[in-house]
C-alpha atoms as a PDB file:
ATOM      1  CA  GLN A   1       1.289  44.445  24.263  1.00  0.00           C
ATOM      2  CA  VAL A   2      -1.000  42.723  26.729  1.00  0.00           C
ATOM      3  CA  GLN A   3      -0.124  42.542  30.402  1.00  0.00           C
ATOM      4  CA  LEU A   4      -1.604  39.670  32.379  1.00  0.00           C
ATOM      5  CA  VAL A   5      -1.656  39.407  36.155  1.00  0.00           C
ATOM      6  CA  GLU A   6      -2.895  36.268  37.894  1.00  0.00           C
ATOM      7  CA  SER A   7      -4.221  36.156  41.428  1.00  0.00           C
ATOM      8  CA  GLY A   8      -6.181  33.853  43.683  1.00  0.00           C
ATOM      9  CA  GLY A   9      -3.691  31.066  44.232  1.00  0.00           C
ATOM     10  CA  GLY A  10      -2.955  29.637  47.643  1.00  0.00           C
ATOM     11  CA  LEU A  11      -2.982  26.594  49.865  1.00  0.00           C
ATOM     12  CA  VAL A  12      -6.121  24.485  50.045  1.00  0.00           C
ATOM     13  CA  GLN A  13      -7.016  21.039  51.311  1.00  0.00           C
ATOM     14  CA  ALA A  14      -7.970  18.273  48.938  1.00  0.00           C
ATOM     15  CA  GLY A  15     -11.603  18.599  47.959  1.00  0.00           C
ATOM     16  CA  GLY A  16     -11.537  22.347  48.348  1.00  0.00           C
ATOM     17  CA  SER A  17     -11.985  25.122  45.822  1.00  0.00           C
ATOM     18  CA  LEU A  18     -10.126  28.129  44.527  1.00  0.00           C
ATOM     19  CA  ARG A  19     -10.900  30.732  41.906  1.00  0.00           C
ATOM     20  CA  LEU A  20      -8.045  32.169  39.915  1.00  0.00           C
ATOM     21  CA  SER A  21      -8.330  35.519  38.203  1.00  0.00           C
ATOM     22  CA  CYS A  22      -6.346  36.910  35.305  1.00  0.00           C
ATOM     23  CA  ALA A  23      -6.549  40.661  34.870  1.00  0.00           C
ATOM     24  CA  ALA A  24      -5.541  41.961  31.456  1.00  0.00           C
ATOM     25  CA  SER A  25      -4.434  45.408  30.426  1.00  0.00           C
ATOM     26  CA  GLY A  26      -3.027  46.891  27.272  1.00  0.00           C
ATOM     27  CA  ARG A  27      -4.489  45.879  23.941  1.00  0.00           C
ATOM     28  CA  THR A  28      -8.148  45.055  23.595  1.00  0.00           C
ATOM     29  CA  PHE A  29      -8.813  42.008  25.728  1.00  0.00           C
ATOM     30  CA  ILE A  30     -11.812  40.937  23.704  1.00  0.00           C
ATOM     31  CA  ASN A  31      -9.643  40.217  20.674  1.00  0.00           C
ATOM     32  CA  TYR A  32      -7.781  37.421  22.404  1.00  0.00           C
ATOM     33  CA  ALA A  33      -8.452  33.799  23.130  1.00  0.00           C
ATOM     34  CA  MET A  34      -7.376  32.990  26.679  1.00  0.00           C
ATOM     35  CA  GLY A  35      -5.873  29.912  28.191  1.00  0.00           C
ATOM     36  CA  TRP A  36      -4.845  28.526  31.548  1.00  0.00           C
ATOM     37  CA  LEU A  37      -1.800  26.297  31.782  1.00  0.00           C
ATOM     38  CA  ARG A  38       0.101  24.884  34.727  1.00  0.00           C
ATOM     39  CA  GLN A  39       3.525  23.593  35.598  1.00  0.00           C
ATOM     40  CA  ALA A  40       4.233  21.263  38.474  1.00  0.00           C
ATOM     41  CA  PRO A  41       7.718  20.867  39.936  1.00  0.00           C
ATOM     42  CA  GLY A  42       9.900  18.759  37.689  1.00  0.00           C
ATOM     43  CA  LYS A  43       7.256  18.560  34.980  1.00  0.00           C
ATOM     44  CA  GLU A  44       6.613  20.309  31.715  1.00  0.00           C
ATOM     45  CA  ARG A  45       3.981  22.990  31.431  1.00  0.00           C
ATOM     46  CA  GLU A  46       0.636  21.501  30.485  1.00  0.00           C
ATOM     47  CA  PHE A  47      -2.644  22.730  29.108  1.00  0.00           C
ATOM     48  CA  VAL A  48      -5.535  23.136  31.555  1.00  0.00           C
ATOM     49  CA  ALA A  49      -8.324  25.025  29.804  1.00  0.00           C
ATOM     50  CA  ALA A  50      -8.965  27.619  27.118  1.00  0.00           C
ATOM     51  CA  PHE A  51     -11.718  29.605  25.467  1.00  0.00           C
ATOM     52  CA  ASN A  52     -12.085  31.714  22.384  1.00  0.00           C
ATOM     53  CA  TRP A  53     -12.563  35.473  22.388  1.00  0.00           C
ATOM     54  CA  SER A  54     -16.289  35.327  23.124  1.00  0.00           C
ATOM     55  CA  GLY A  55     -16.101  32.449  25.567  1.00  0.00           C
ATOM     56  CA  ASP A  56     -18.558  30.251  23.680  1.00  0.00           C
ATOM     57  CA  ILE A  57     -15.904  27.763  22.624  1.00  0.00           C
ATOM     58  CA  THR A  58     -14.082  26.094  25.484  1.00  0.00           C
ATOM     59  CA  SER A  59     -11.743  23.181  25.914  1.00  0.00           C
ATOM     60  CA  TYR A  60     -10.431  21.376  28.977  1.00  0.00           C
ATOM     61  CA  ALA A  61      -7.756  18.876  29.759  1.00  0.00           C
ATOM     62  CA  ASP A  62      -9.214  15.476  30.599  1.00  0.00           C
ATOM     63  CA  SER A  63      -7.683  15.673  34.066  1.00  0.00           C
ATOM     64  CA  VAL A  64      -9.782  18.707  35.012  1.00  0.00           C
ATOM     65  CA  LYS A  65     -13.041  18.143  33.112  1.00  0.00           C
ATOM     66  CA  GLY A  66     -16.025  18.358  35.394  1.00  0.00           C
ATOM     67  CA  ARG A  67     -13.996  20.037  38.139  1.00  0.00           C
ATOM     68  CA  PHE A  68     -12.642  23.238  36.583  1.00  0.00           C
ATOM     69  CA  THR A  69     -14.591  25.953  34.776  1.00  0.00           C
ATOM     70  CA  ILE A  70     -13.167  28.834  32.783  1.00  0.00           C
ATOM     71  CA  SER A  71     -14.989  32.060  32.139  1.00  0.00           C
ATOM     72  CA  ARG A  72     -14.299  35.586  31.054  1.00  0.00           C
ATOM     73  CA  ASP A  73     -15.775  38.998  31.651  1.00  0.00           C
ATOM     74  CA  ASN A  74     -14.786  41.135  28.697  1.00  0.00           C
ATOM     75  CA  ALA A  75     -16.207  44.237  30.325  1.00  0.00           C
ATOM     76  CA  LYS A  76     -13.758  43.762  33.202  1.00  0.00           C
ATOM     77  CA  ASN A  77     -10.885  42.499  31.033  1.00  0.00           C
ATOM     78  CA  THR A  78     -10.650  39.496  33.312  1.00  0.00           C
ATOM     79  CA  ALA A  79     -10.546  35.747  32.852  1.00  0.00           C
ATOM     80  CA  TYR A  80     -11.294  33.255  35.598  1.00  0.00           C
ATOM     81  CA  LEU A  81     -10.570  29.651  36.435  1.00  0.00           C
ATOM     82  CA  GLN A  82     -12.913  28.136  39.007  1.00  0.00           C
ATOM     83  CA  MET A  83     -11.330  25.028  40.462  1.00  0.00           C
ATOM     84  CA  ASN A  84     -13.457  22.627  42.502  1.00  0.00           C
ATOM     85  CA  SER A  85     -12.775  19.227  44.035  1.00  0.00           C
ATOM     86  CA  LEU A  86      -9.080  19.976  44.033  1.00  0.00           C
ATOM     87  CA  LYS A  87      -6.615  17.107  44.245  1.00  0.00           C
ATOM     88  CA  PRO A  88      -2.973  17.046  45.365  1.00  0.00           C
ATOM     89  CA  GLU A  89      -1.988  16.397  41.754  1.00  0.00           C
ATOM     90  CA  ASP A  90      -3.420  19.818  40.837  1.00  0.00           C
ATOM     91  CA  THR A  91      -0.539  21.418  42.736  1.00  0.00           C
ATOM     92  CA  ALA A  92       1.345  23.637  40.292  1.00  0.00           C
ATOM     93  CA  VAL A  93       2.057  27.171  39.218  1.00  0.00           C
ATOM     94  CA  TYR A  94      -0.894  28.282  37.134  1.00  0.00           C
ATOM     95  CA  TYR A  95      -0.422  30.670  34.234  1.00  0.00           C
ATOM     96  CA  CYS A  96      -2.910  32.553  32.144  1.00  0.00           C
ATOM     97  CA  ALA A  97      -2.031  33.369  28.576  1.00  0.00           C
ATOM     98  CA  ALA A  98      -3.481  35.314  25.663  1.00  0.00           C
ATOM     99  CA  SER A  99      -3.573  34.276  22.036  1.00  0.00           C
ATOM    100  CA  LEU A 100      -4.461  36.719  19.273  1.00  0.00           C
ATOM    101  CA  TYR A 101      -5.237  33.991  16.741  1.00  0.00           C
ATOM    102  CA  GLY A 102      -6.359  31.282  19.132  1.00  0.00           C
ATOM    103  CA  LEU A 103      -9.595  29.384  18.846  1.00  0.00           C
ATOM    104  CA  GLY A 104      -9.937  28.191  22.412  1.00  0.00           C
ATOM    105  CA  SER A 105      -8.152  24.975  21.528  1.00  0.00           C
ATOM    106  CA  PRO A 106      -5.569  22.981  23.501  1.00  0.00           C
ATOM    107  CA  TYR A 107      -3.246  23.657  20.562  1.00  0.00           C
ATOM    108  CA  ASP A 108      -3.432  27.442  20.607  1.00  0.00           C
ATOM    109  CA  GLU A 109      -0.135  29.267  20.604  1.00  0.00           C
ATOM    110  CA  TYR A 110       0.079  32.094  23.080  1.00  0.00           C
ATOM    111  CA  ASP A 111       1.483  35.559  22.575  1.00  0.00           C
ATOM    112  CA  TYR A 112       1.439  36.839  26.146  1.00  0.00           C
ATOM    113  CA  TRP A 113       1.858  35.207  29.539  1.00  0.00           C
ATOM    114  CA  GLY A 114       1.244  36.162  33.135  1.00  0.00           C
ATOM    115  CA  GLN A 115       3.776  35.627  35.873  1.00  0.00           C
ATOM    116  CA  GLY A 116       1.938  32.684  37.401  1.00  0.00           C
ATOM    117  CA  THR A 117       0.240  31.988  40.702  1.00  0.00           C
ATOM    118  CA  GLN A 118       0.998  29.061  42.991  1.00  0.00           C
ATOM    119  CA  VAL A 119      -1.722  26.568  43.839  1.00  0.00           C
ATOM    120  CA  THR A 120      -0.909  23.994  46.489  1.00  0.00           C
ATOM    121  CA  VAL A 121      -3.355  21.242  47.401  1.00  0.00           C
ATOM    122  CA  SER A 122      -2.625  19.306  50.572  1.00  0.00           C
ATOM    123  CA  SER A 123      -3.805  15.762  51.129  1.00  0.00           C
END
């Protein structure tokens, strides 16, 4: 089992920044690819970003490329999502997820999920 806890969400004005954190506990964090996904009201959950176990393979949704950056600190069992130049359309609940066999691809299937953290961007 892997437990994931997100933090860092909140309310920010358009153009602002937030950094989300995902703290992992349980099984060895380094074995897992990690992803960030989001779900806006009335919409399906969508891929945001992901990386493989070492962090040297990353992928991003087109809508966030150049604005969002994922990273991980395996020593701290924590993954991060730095979000800059935020737009109202980034408003959603953001989830981190862990994939034992993932490659850091938008198509990874996830084994464990956090509870989500709300990000609201005002115009």
